[in-house]
Amino acid sequence: MRTLTVLGACAVLCVSCSSGHVKIPGEEVVLKENECKAFYTQGLEAERKEEYGKAAELFGKALESDQLFFSAYYKQGRCYALMGNWAEAEFIFRELLETDSENSSLQQSLAFVLLQGEKDSIPEALTILEDLYRKNPYDISLCSLRIKAFVVADELERAEESYAVFAETFPSELEKIRELDAVVHPNSLNDDSED
């Protein structure tokens, strides 16, 4: 009798499986997660190819994933920034900072975007960068952005002082020092050629 019950159950299972799709518990969530992962991966590829509009759209489609949400949202904001869509990038970075206010990468990204926007947002960018600098004065990209921010804010004396500290602190970063020198001393090339 037991064998007959097992065979009957197998027959019912086989018939139901072959007659159409059987709804499996949790399958929709797994399928949606896999779809989002595919969008995210495609977004990374588009970003690598510098197709930022396409990448932002794909990262937007990946936002339905709880696992990928923050990463996809940050990537979308980064793509907007790389396209020069400062307002959209600022909105995303501010929203992400609401959930992770101590994230220095997000803070630095927001400061960068603020420096690209309206002049009245420059003081906020400088405040963010100064706070970050106090916490980590040895972050090369932060120090570099801070110097550029002083130039944008027309605080040339502070830019000069920060540049001197940078060159002394990071003497092996010759390429970055040259880049910053050109930012802090934009007329030095012209001055040398006139001698």
N, C-alpha and C. Protein backbone atom coordinates (compact mmCIF):
# COMPACT_ATOMS: atom_id res chain seq x y z
N MET A 1 0.82 -1.19 0.00
CA MET A 1 0.00 0.00 0.00
C MET A 1 0.87 1.26 0.00
N ARG A 2 1.92 1.26 0.79
CA ARG A 2 2.81 2.42 0.87
C ARG A 2 3.45 2.69 -0.49
N THR A 3 3.89 1.65 -1.19
CA THR A 3 4.49 1.80 -2.51
C THR A 3 3.49 2.41 -3.47
N LEU A 4 2.25 1.99 -3.35
CA LEU A 4 1.21 2.52 -4.22
C LEU A 4 0.98 4.00 -3.96
N THR A 5 1.03 4.44 -2.72
CA THR A 5 0.86 5.85 -2.36
C THR A 5 2.01 6.68 -2.91
N VAL A 6 3.24 6.17 -2.77
CA VAL A 6 4.40 6.89 -3.29
C VAL A 6 4.32 6.98 -4.80
N LEU A 7 3.95 5.89 -5.47
CA LEU A 7 3.81 5.91 -6.93
C LEU A 7 2.72 6.88 -7.36
N GLY A 8 1.64 6.92 -6.61
CA GLY A 8 0.56 7.84 -6.93
C GLY A 8 1.00 9.29 -6.79
N ALA A 9 1.74 9.56 -5.74
CA ALA A 9 2.25 10.92 -5.53
C ALA A 9 3.20 11.31 -6.65
N CYS A 10 4.06 10.38 -7.06
CA CYS A 10 5.00 10.65 -8.16
C CYS A 10 4.24 10.92 -9.44
N ALA A 11 3.19 10.15 -9.67
CA ALA A 11 2.41 10.34 -10.89
C ALA A 11 1.75 11.72 -10.90
N VAL A 12 1.18 12.12 -9.77
CA VAL A 12 0.55 13.44 -9.67
C VAL A 12 1.59 14.54 -9.89
N LEU A 13 2.75 14.38 -9.28
CA LEU A 13 3.82 15.37 -9.41
C LEU A 13 4.30 15.46 -10.86
N CYS A 14 4.49 14.32 -11.49
CA CYS A 14 4.95 14.31 -12.88
C CYS A 14 3.93 14.93 -13.81
N VAL A 15 2.65 14.62 -13.60
CA VAL A 15 1.59 15.18 -14.44
C VAL A 15 1.51 16.69 -14.24
N SER A 16 1.56 17.13 -12.99
CA SER A 16 1.45 18.57 -12.75
C SER A 16 2.67 19.32 -13.28
N CYS A 17 3.85 18.69 -13.23
CA CYS A 17 5.05 19.35 -13.74
C CYS A 17 5.05 19.41 -15.25
N SER A 18 4.53 18.39 -15.89
CA SER A 18 4.56 18.36 -17.35
C SER A 18 3.41 19.14 -17.96
N SER A 19 2.35 19.38 -17.19
CA SER A 19 1.20 20.07 -17.75
C SER A 19 1.34 21.59 -17.72
N GLY A 20 2.33 22.11 -17.10
CA GLY A 20 2.52 23.56 -17.04
C GLY A 20 3.44 23.93 -15.90
N HIS A 21 3.60 25.22 -15.73
CA HIS A 21 4.52 25.71 -14.70
C HIS A 21 3.89 25.57 -13.33
N VAL A 22 4.64 24.95 -12.44
CA VAL A 22 4.21 24.82 -11.05
C VAL A 22 4.85 25.97 -10.28
N LYS A 23 4.03 26.70 -9.56
CA LYS A 23 4.55 27.82 -8.79
C LYS A 23 5.34 27.27 -7.60
N ILE A 24 6.60 27.60 -7.56
CA ILE A 24 7.49 27.15 -6.50
C ILE A 24 7.65 28.28 -5.50
N PRO A 25 7.51 27.98 -4.23
CA PRO A 25 7.63 29.03 -3.20
C PRO A 25 8.99 29.74 -3.29
N GLY A 26 8.94 31.06 -3.33
CA GLY A 26 10.17 31.85 -3.36
C GLY A 26 10.78 32.01 -4.74
N GLU A 27 10.23 31.36 -5.74
CA GLU A 27 10.82 31.40 -7.08
C GLU A 27 10.79 32.82 -7.68
N GLU A 28 9.69 33.53 -7.50
CA GLU A 28 9.58 34.88 -8.06
C GLU A 28 10.68 35.80 -7.52
N VAL A 29 10.95 35.68 -6.25
CA VAL A 29 11.99 36.50 -5.62
C VAL A 29 13.35 36.17 -6.22
N VAL A 30 13.61 34.88 -6.38
CA VAL A 30 14.90 34.45 -6.94
C VAL A 30 15.04 34.92 -8.38
N LEU A 31 13.97 34.77 -9.16
CA LEU A 31 14.02 35.21 -10.56
C LEU A 31 14.23 36.72 -10.65
N LYS A 32 13.53 37.48 -9.80
CA LYS A 32 13.69 38.94 -9.80
C LYS A 32 15.11 39.33 -9.40
N GLU A 33 15.65 38.65 -8.39
CA GLU A 33 17.02 38.93 -7.93
C GLU A 33 18.02 38.63 -9.05
N ASN A 34 17.82 37.53 -9.75
CA ASN A 34 18.71 37.17 -10.87
C ASN A 34 18.62 38.19 -12.00
N GLU A 35 17.41 38.67 -12.26
CA GLU A 35 17.23 39.69 -13.30
C GLU A 35 17.97 40.98 -12.91
N CYS A 36 17.84 41.36 -11.64
CA CYS A 36 18.52 42.57 -11.15
C CYS A 36 20.04 42.41 -11.23
N LYS A 37 20.54 41.23 -10.89
CA LYS A 37 21.98 40.97 -11.00
C LYS A 37 22.44 41.10 -12.43
N ALA A 38 21.62 40.63 -13.37
CA ALA A 38 21.96 40.75 -14.80
C ALA A 38 22.01 42.22 -15.21
N PHE A 39 21.02 43.00 -14.76
CA PHE A 39 21.02 44.44 -15.07
C PHE A 39 22.26 45.11 -14.48
N TYR A 40 22.60 44.76 -13.26
CA TYR A 40 23.76 45.35 -12.59
C TYR A 40 25.04 45.02 -13.36
N THR A 41 25.19 43.76 -13.75
CA THR A 41 26.37 43.34 -14.51
C THR A 41 26.45 44.06 -15.85
N GLN A 42 25.31 44.19 -16.52
CA GLN A 42 25.28 44.94 -17.79
C GLN A 42 25.62 46.41 -17.56
N GLY A 43 25.17 46.95 -16.43
CA GLY A 43 25.49 48.33 -16.08
C GLY A 43 26.99 48.52 -15.88
N LEU A 44 27.61 47.57 -15.21
CA LEU A 44 29.08 47.63 -15.02
C LEU A 44 29.80 47.62 -16.36
N GLU A 45 29.33 46.80 -17.27
CA GLU A 45 29.95 46.72 -18.60
C GLU A 45 29.77 48.02 -19.37
N ALA A 46 28.56 48.58 -19.31
CA ALA A 46 28.31 49.86 -19.98
C ALA A 46 29.17 50.97 -19.37
N GLU A 47 29.30 50.96 -18.05
CA GLU A 47 30.13 51.95 -17.36
C GLU A 47 31.59 51.82 -17.79
N ARG A 48 32.06 50.57 -17.89
CA ARG A 48 33.44 50.34 -18.32
C ARG A 48 33.68 50.90 -19.73
N LYS A 49 32.66 50.81 -20.58
CA LYS A 49 32.75 51.33 -21.95
C LYS A 49 32.46 52.83 -22.02
N GLU A 50 32.28 53.45 -20.87
CA GLU A 50 31.98 54.88 -20.75
C GLU A 50 30.66 55.25 -21.41
N GLU A 51 29.71 54.32 -21.41
CA GLU A 51 28.35 54.56 -21.88
C GLU A 51 27.50 54.87 -20.65
N TYR A 52 27.71 56.06 -20.09
CA TYR A 52 27.17 56.37 -18.78
C TYR A 52 25.64 56.47 -18.75
N GLY A 53 25.03 56.96 -19.80
CA GLY A 53 23.57 57.03 -19.84
C GLY A 53 22.95 55.65 -19.79
N LYS A 54 23.48 54.76 -20.61
CA LYS A 54 23.00 53.38 -20.62
C LYS A 54 23.26 52.71 -19.27
N ALA A 55 24.45 52.94 -18.72
CA ALA A 55 24.80 52.35 -17.42
C ALA A 55 23.85 52.85 -16.34
N ALA A 56 23.56 54.14 -16.31
CA ALA A 56 22.66 54.70 -15.29
C ALA A 56 21.28 54.06 -15.39
N GLU A 57 20.81 53.86 -16.61
CA GLU A 57 19.51 53.21 -16.82
C GLU A 57 19.53 51.77 -16.31
N LEU A 58 20.59 51.04 -16.61
CA LEU A 58 20.69 49.65 -16.16
C LEU A 58 20.82 49.55 -14.65
N PHE A 59 21.61 50.43 -14.05
CA PHE A 59 21.71 50.44 -12.59
C PHE A 59 20.35 50.78 -11.97
N GLY A 60 19.59 51.64 -12.63
CA GLY A 60 18.24 51.96 -12.17
C GLY A 60 17.34 50.74 -12.15
N LYS A 61 17.49 49.88 -13.14
CA LYS A 61 16.69 48.64 -13.19
C LYS A 61 17.12 47.65 -12.11
N ALA A 62 18.35 47.75 -11.67
CA ALA A 62 18.85 46.84 -10.63
C ALA A 62 18.42 47.27 -9.23
N LEU A 63 17.80 48.45 -9.11
CA LEU A 63 17.43 48.98 -7.80
C LEU A 63 16.33 48.16 -7.10
N GLU A 64 15.66 47.30 -7.85
CA GLU A 64 14.61 46.48 -7.24
C GLU A 64 15.18 45.38 -6.35
N SER A 65 16.49 45.19 -6.41
CA SER A 65 17.15 44.17 -5.58
C SER A 65 17.53 44.77 -4.24
N ASP A 66 17.10 44.13 -3.16
CA ASP A 66 17.50 44.59 -1.83
C ASP A 66 19.01 44.44 -1.65
N GLN A 67 19.57 43.37 -2.17
CA GLN A 67 21.01 43.13 -2.02
C GLN A 67 21.85 44.14 -2.79
N LEU A 68 21.37 44.56 -3.95
CA LEU A 68 22.15 45.43 -4.82
C LEU A 68 21.78 46.90 -4.71
N PHE A 69 20.73 47.23 -3.97
CA PHE A 69 20.16 48.57 -4.00
C PHE A 69 21.21 49.67 -3.79
N PHE A 70 21.94 49.61 -2.68
CA PHE A 70 22.85 50.71 -2.36
C PHE A 70 23.99 50.82 -3.36
N SER A 71 24.54 49.70 -3.75
CA SER A 71 25.62 49.71 -4.72
C SER A 71 25.13 50.22 -6.08
N ALA A 72 23.96 49.72 -6.51
CA ALA A 72 23.40 50.15 -7.81
C ALA A 72 23.04 51.63 -7.78
N TYR A 73 22.52 52.10 -6.65
CA TYR A 73 22.13 53.51 -6.54
C TYR A 73 23.36 54.40 -6.58
N TYR A 74 24.41 53.99 -5.86
CA TYR A 74 25.65 54.77 -5.89
C TYR A 74 26.21 54.80 -7.32
N LYS A 75 26.24 53.64 -7.97
CA LYS A 75 26.76 53.57 -9.34
C LYS A 75 25.94 54.46 -10.27
N GLN A 76 24.63 54.47 -10.07
CA GLN A 76 23.77 55.32 -10.89
C GLN A 76 24.13 56.80 -10.67
N GLY A 77 24.30 57.19 -9.42
CA GLY A 77 24.70 58.56 -9.11
C GLY A 77 26.04 58.91 -9.70
N ARG A 78 26.97 57.98 -9.63
CA ARG A 78 28.30 58.19 -10.20
C ARG A 78 28.21 58.39 -11.72
N CYS A 79 27.37 57.60 -12.37
CA CYS A 79 27.20 57.76 -13.82
C CYS A 79 26.60 59.12 -14.15
N TYR A 80 25.61 59.55 -13.36
CA TYR A 80 25.05 60.89 -13.58
C TYR A 80 26.13 61.95 -13.44
N ALA A 81 27.00 61.80 -12.44
CA ALA A 81 28.08 62.77 -12.25
C ALA A 81 29.02 62.75 -13.46
N LEU A 82 29.35 61.57 -13.94
CA LEU A 82 30.26 61.47 -15.08
C LEU A 82 29.64 62.02 -16.36
N MET A 83 28.31 62.08 -16.40
CA MET A 83 27.62 62.68 -17.55
C MET A 83 27.44 64.19 -17.37
N GLY A 84 27.80 64.69 -16.17
CA GLY A 84 27.62 66.12 -15.90
C GLY A 84 26.21 66.45 -15.44
N ASN A 85 25.43 65.46 -15.08
CA ASN A 85 24.09 65.69 -14.54
C ASN A 85 24.23 65.86 -13.03
N TRP A 86 24.71 67.03 -12.65
CA TRP A 86 25.09 67.30 -11.26
C TRP A 86 23.90 67.24 -10.31
N ALA A 87 22.77 67.77 -10.72
CA ALA A 87 21.60 67.80 -9.83
C ALA A 87 21.13 66.39 -9.49
N GLU A 88 21.07 65.53 -10.48
CA GLU A 88 20.63 64.15 -10.24
C GLU A 88 21.64 63.41 -9.37
N ALA A 89 22.92 63.60 -9.65
CA ALA A 89 23.96 62.97 -8.84
C ALA A 89 23.90 63.46 -7.40
N GLU A 90 23.74 64.77 -7.22
CA GLU A 90 23.64 65.33 -5.87
C GLU A 90 22.46 64.73 -5.12
N PHE A 91 21.32 64.63 -5.78
CA PHE A 91 20.13 64.07 -5.15
C PHE A 91 20.41 62.65 -4.66
N ILE A 92 21.02 61.83 -5.50
CA ILE A 92 21.29 60.43 -5.13
C ILE A 92 22.29 60.36 -3.99
N PHE A 93 23.38 61.12 -4.07
CA PHE A 93 24.39 61.06 -3.01
C PHE A 93 23.81 61.54 -1.67
N ARG A 94 22.98 62.58 -1.71
CA ARG A 94 22.36 63.06 -0.47
C ARG A 94 21.42 61.99 0.11
N GLU A 95 20.66 61.35 -0.76
CA GLU A 95 19.74 60.31 -0.30
C GLU A 95 20.51 59.13 0.31
N LEU A 96 21.60 58.74 -0.31
CA LEU A 96 22.40 57.65 0.23
C LEU A 96 23.03 58.04 1.57
N LEU A 97 23.43 59.29 1.69
CA LEU A 97 24.03 59.75 2.96
C LEU A 97 23.01 59.76 4.10
N GLU A 98 21.73 59.83 3.78
CA GLU A 98 20.72 59.76 4.83
C GLU A 98 20.74 58.41 5.54
N THR A 99 21.14 57.36 4.81
CA THR A 99 21.20 56.04 5.42
C THR A 99 22.59 55.66 5.88
N ASP A 100 23.61 56.38 5.40
CA ASP A 100 25.00 56.06 5.76
C ASP A 100 25.79 57.36 5.87
N SER A 101 25.44 58.15 6.88
CA SER A 101 25.97 59.52 6.99
C SER A 101 27.47 59.60 7.23
N GLU A 102 28.09 58.54 7.70
CA GLU A 102 29.53 58.57 7.98
C GLU A 102 30.37 58.01 6.83
N ASN A 103 29.75 57.68 5.73
CA ASN A 103 30.47 57.09 4.60
C ASN A 103 31.31 58.16 3.91
N SER A 104 32.62 58.07 4.06
CA SER A 104 33.51 59.11 3.53
C SER A 104 33.52 59.13 2.01
N SER A 105 33.36 57.99 1.36
CA SER A 105 33.30 57.98 -0.12
C SER A 105 32.09 58.73 -0.63
N LEU A 106 30.95 58.53 0.03
CA LEU A 106 29.74 59.26 -0.36
C LEU A 106 29.90 60.75 -0.09
N GLN A 107 30.49 61.09 1.05
CA GLN A 107 30.70 62.50 1.37
C GLN A 107 31.62 63.16 0.34
N GLN A 108 32.68 62.47 -0.02
CA GLN A 108 33.61 63.01 -0.99
C GLN A 108 32.93 63.14 -2.36
N SER A 109 32.11 62.16 -2.72
CA SER A 109 31.38 62.23 -4.00
C SER A 109 30.43 63.42 -4.01
N LEU A 110 29.74 63.63 -2.90
CA LEU A 110 28.83 64.78 -2.81
C LEU A 110 29.61 66.08 -2.92
N ALA A 111 30.73 66.17 -2.23
CA ALA A 111 31.54 67.40 -2.28
C ALA A 111 32.00 67.67 -3.71
N PHE A 112 32.43 66.64 -4.41
CA PHE A 112 32.87 66.80 -5.80
C PHE A 112 31.73 67.35 -6.65
N VAL A 113 30.55 66.77 -6.50
CA VAL A 113 29.39 67.21 -7.29
C VAL A 113 29.02 68.65 -6.94
N LEU A 114 29.06 68.99 -5.65
CA LEU A 114 28.73 70.36 -5.24
C LEU A 114 29.70 71.37 -5.85
N LEU A 115 30.95 70.99 -5.99
CA LEU A 115 31.94 71.90 -6.59
C LEU A 115 31.65 72.16 -8.07
N GLN A 116 30.93 71.26 -8.70
CA GLN A 116 30.62 71.41 -10.13
C GLN A 116 29.37 72.25 -10.36
N GLY A 117 28.56 72.39 -9.32
CA GLY A 117 27.27 73.05 -9.46
C GLY A 117 27.33 74.55 -9.25
N GLU A 118 26.32 75.03 -8.60
CA GLU A 118 26.17 76.46 -8.35
C GLU A 118 27.23 76.97 -7.37
N LYS A 119 27.62 78.22 -7.51
CA LYS A 119 28.62 78.83 -6.63
C LYS A 119 28.21 78.79 -5.17
N ASP A 120 26.90 78.90 -4.91
CA ASP A 120 26.46 78.93 -3.51
C ASP A 120 26.60 77.56 -2.82
N SER A 121 26.93 76.50 -3.57
CA SER A 121 27.12 75.19 -2.94
C SER A 121 28.60 74.92 -2.60
N ILE A 122 29.48 75.82 -3.01
CA ILE A 122 30.92 75.64 -2.74
C ILE A 122 31.24 75.65 -1.25
N PRO A 123 30.67 76.55 -0.44
CA PRO A 123 30.98 76.50 1.00
C PRO A 123 30.61 75.15 1.65
N GLU A 124 29.50 74.58 1.24
CA GLU A 124 29.12 73.27 1.78
C GLU A 124 30.14 72.21 1.38
N ALA A 125 30.59 72.26 0.13
CA ALA A 125 31.61 71.31 -0.34
C ALA A 125 32.89 71.46 0.48
N LEU A 126 33.30 72.69 0.72
CA LEU A 126 34.52 72.93 1.51
C LEU A 126 34.37 72.41 2.94
N THR A 127 33.20 72.61 3.52
CA THR A 127 32.96 72.12 4.88
C THR A 127 33.07 70.60 4.93
N ILE A 128 32.48 69.94 3.97
CA ILE A 128 32.56 68.47 3.90
C ILE A 128 34.01 68.03 3.77
N LEU A 129 34.73 68.67 2.86
CA LEU A 129 36.13 68.28 2.63
C LEU A 129 37.02 68.56 3.83
N GLU A 130 36.78 69.67 4.51
CA GLU A 130 37.57 69.99 5.70
C GLU A 130 37.32 68.97 6.81
N ASP A 131 36.05 68.58 6.99
CA ASP A 131 35.73 67.56 7.99
C ASP A 131 36.40 66.23 7.65
N LEU A 132 36.34 65.86 6.40
CA LEU A 132 36.98 64.61 5.97
C LEU A 132 38.50 64.68 6.15
N TYR A 133 39.08 65.82 5.83
CA TYR A 133 40.53 65.99 5.93
C TYR A 133 41.00 65.87 7.39
N ARG A 134 40.24 66.43 8.30
CA ARG A 134 40.58 66.31 9.72
C ARG A 134 40.63 64.84 10.15
N LYS A 135 39.75 64.04 9.60
CA LYS A 135 39.69 62.62 9.96
C LYS A 135 40.76 61.78 9.25
N ASN A 136 41.13 62.19 8.04
CA ASN A 136 42.09 61.40 7.28
C ASN A 136 42.96 62.29 6.39
N PRO A 137 43.98 62.90 6.96
CA PRO A 137 44.84 63.80 6.19
C PRO A 137 45.79 63.09 5.23
N TYR A 138 45.76 61.77 5.21
CA TYR A 138 46.67 61.02 4.34
C TYR A 138 45.96 60.34 3.17
N ASP A 139 44.73 60.72 2.91
CA ASP A 139 43.99 60.21 1.76
C ASP A 139 44.35 61.09 0.56
N ILE A 140 45.09 60.51 -0.37
CA ILE A 140 45.62 61.29 -1.50
C ILE A 140 44.51 61.91 -2.34
N SER A 141 43.48 61.14 -2.67
CA SER A 141 42.43 61.69 -3.52
C SER A 141 41.66 62.79 -2.78
N LEU A 142 41.45 62.62 -1.50
CA LEU A 142 40.78 63.65 -0.69
C LEU A 142 41.62 64.92 -0.65
N CYS A 143 42.90 64.79 -0.39
CA CYS A 143 43.79 65.96 -0.33
C CYS A 143 43.81 66.70 -1.66
N SER A 144 43.85 65.93 -2.73
CA SER A 144 43.86 66.51 -4.07
C SER A 144 42.56 67.28 -4.35
N LEU A 145 41.43 66.67 -4.03
CA LEU A 145 40.14 67.33 -4.25
C LEU A 145 40.02 68.58 -3.38
N ARG A 146 40.53 68.51 -2.17
CA ARG A 146 40.49 69.66 -1.26
C ARG A 146 41.27 70.85 -1.84
N ILE A 147 42.43 70.58 -2.41
CA ILE A 147 43.23 71.65 -3.02
C ILE A 147 42.47 72.26 -4.20
N LYS A 148 41.90 71.40 -5.03
CA LYS A 148 41.12 71.89 -6.18
C LYS A 148 39.92 72.71 -5.72
N ALA A 149 39.31 72.28 -4.60
CA ALA A 149 38.16 73.01 -4.06
C ALA A 149 38.57 74.42 -3.63
N PHE A 150 39.75 74.56 -3.03
CA PHE A 150 40.23 75.89 -2.63
C PHE A 150 40.40 76.79 -3.86
N VAL A 151 40.88 76.21 -4.96
CA VAL A 151 41.05 76.99 -6.19
C VAL A 151 39.68 77.42 -6.71
N VAL A 152 38.73 76.48 -6.76
CA VAL A 152 37.38 76.80 -7.24
C VAL A 152 36.76 77.88 -6.36
N ALA A 153 37.00 77.81 -5.06
CA ALA A 153 36.44 78.79 -4.12
C ALA A 153 37.23 80.10 -4.13
N ASP A 154 38.25 80.18 -4.95
CA ASP A 154 39.11 81.35 -5.04
C ASP A 154 39.83 81.64 -3.73
N GLU A 155 40.12 80.58 -2.99
CA GLU A 155 40.91 80.69 -1.76
C GLU A 155 42.32 80.23 -2.10
N LEU A 156 43.01 81.04 -2.88
CA LEU A 156 44.30 80.65 -3.46
C LEU A 156 45.40 80.49 -2.42
N GLU A 157 45.36 81.28 -1.36
CA GLU A 157 46.38 81.15 -0.32
C GLU A 157 46.26 79.78 0.37
N ARG A 158 45.03 79.39 0.66
CA ARG A 158 44.81 78.07 1.27
C ARG A 158 45.19 76.96 0.29
N ALA A 159 44.91 77.18 -0.99
CA ALA A 159 45.28 76.19 -2.01
C ALA A 159 46.80 76.04 -2.05
N GLU A 160 47.50 77.16 -2.01
CA GLU A 160 48.96 77.15 -2.04
C GLU A 160 49.54 76.43 -0.82
N GLU A 161 49.01 76.75 0.35
CA GLU A 161 49.48 76.10 1.59
C GLU A 161 49.22 74.60 1.54
N SER A 162 48.04 74.22 1.11
CA SER A 162 47.67 72.80 1.04
C SER A 162 48.50 72.06 0.00
N TYR A 163 48.78 72.75 -1.09
CA TYR A 163 49.63 72.16 -2.13
C TYR A 163 51.04 71.89 -1.58
N ALA A 164 51.59 72.83 -0.83
CA ALA A 164 52.92 72.66 -0.26
C ALA A 164 52.94 71.48 0.72
N VAL A 165 51.91 71.36 1.54
CA VAL A 165 51.81 70.23 2.48
C VAL A 165 51.68 68.93 1.70
N PHE A 166 50.88 68.93 0.63
CA PHE A 166 50.70 67.73 -0.18
C PHE A 166 52.03 67.28 -0.78
N ALA A 167 52.76 68.22 -1.38
CA ALA A 167 54.03 67.89 -2.02
C ALA A 167 55.04 67.36 -0.99
N GLU A 168 54.99 67.89 0.21
CA GLU A 168 55.90 67.43 1.26
C GLU A 168 55.47 66.07 1.83
N THR A 169 54.17 65.87 1.96
CA THR A 169 53.64 64.64 2.55
C THR A 169 53.71 63.46 1.58
N PHE A 170 53.50 63.73 0.31
CA PHE A 170 53.46 62.66 -0.70
C PHE A 170 54.50 62.89 -1.79
N PRO A 171 55.78 62.91 -1.46
CA PRO A 171 56.79 63.23 -2.47
C PRO A 171 56.86 62.20 -3.61
N SER A 172 56.42 60.98 -3.37
CA SER A 172 56.48 59.96 -4.43
C SER A 172 55.34 60.08 -5.43
N GLU A 173 54.39 60.96 -5.16
CA GLU A 173 53.24 61.15 -6.05
C GLU A 173 53.54 62.25 -7.06
N LEU A 174 54.59 62.09 -7.83
CA LEU A 174 55.04 63.13 -8.75
C LEU A 174 53.98 63.54 -9.77
N GLU A 175 53.30 62.56 -10.34
CA GLU A 175 52.29 62.88 -11.35
C GLU A 175 51.16 63.72 -10.75
N LYS A 176 50.71 63.34 -9.56
CA LYS A 176 49.64 64.08 -8.88
C LYS A 176 50.15 65.48 -8.48
N ILE A 177 51.41 65.57 -8.06
CA ILE A 177 51.99 66.87 -7.69
C ILE A 177 52.02 67.78 -8.91
N ARG A 178 52.42 67.25 -10.06
CA ARG A 178 52.44 68.06 -11.29
C ARG A 178 51.03 68.53 -11.66
N GLU A 179 50.07 67.60 -11.54
CA GLU A 179 48.68 67.94 -11.86
C GLU A 179 48.18 69.07 -10.95
N LEU A 180 48.44 68.94 -9.66
CA LEU A 180 48.01 69.96 -8.71
C LEU A 180 48.77 71.27 -8.89
N ASP A 181 50.02 71.17 -9.25
CA ASP A 181 50.81 72.37 -9.50
C ASP A 181 50.18 73.17 -10.64
N ALA A 182 49.72 72.48 -11.66
CA ALA A 182 49.07 73.16 -12.78
C ALA A 182 47.75 73.80 -12.35
N VAL A 183 47.07 73.20 -11.39
CA VAL A 183 45.81 73.76 -10.90
C VAL A 183 46.08 74.98 -10.02
N VAL A 184 47.05 74.86 -9.11
CA VAL A 184 47.34 75.93 -8.16
C VAL A 184 48.10 77.07 -8.82
N HIS A 185 48.96 76.74 -9.76
CA HIS A 185 49.78 77.75 -10.45
C HIS A 185 49.50 77.71 -11.95
N PRO A 186 48.31 78.06 -12.39
CA PRO A 186 47.96 77.91 -13.81
C PRO A 186 48.81 78.76 -14.75
N ASN A 187 49.36 79.84 -14.27
CA ASN A 187 50.15 80.72 -15.15
C ASN A 187 51.64 80.43 -15.09
N SER A 188 52.06 79.44 -14.31
CA SER A 188 53.50 79.20 -14.15
C SER A 188 54.13 78.75 -15.46
N LEU A 189 53.40 78.04 -16.31
CA LEU A 189 53.97 77.63 -17.59
C LEU A 189 54.20 78.84 -18.48
N ASN A 190 53.24 79.75 -18.46
CA ASN A 190 53.39 80.98 -19.27
C ASN A 190 54.51 81.85 -18.72
N ASP A 191 54.65 81.91 -17.39
CA ASP A 191 55.69 82.72 -16.78
C ASP A 191 57.08 82.21 -17.16
N ASP A 192 57.24 80.88 -17.18
CA ASP A 192 58.53 80.29 -17.52
C ASP A 192 58.91 80.56 -18.97
N SER A 193 57.92 80.57 -19.86
CA SER A 193 58.23 80.76 -21.28
C SER A 193 58.61 82.19 -21.61
N GLU A 194 58.23 83.15 -20.74
CA GLU A 194 58.53 84.54 -21.00
C GLU A 194 59.95 84.91 -20.61
N ASP A 195 60.62 84.07 -19.78
CA ASP A 195 61.98 84.38 -19.36
C ASP A 195 62.99 84.28 -20.47
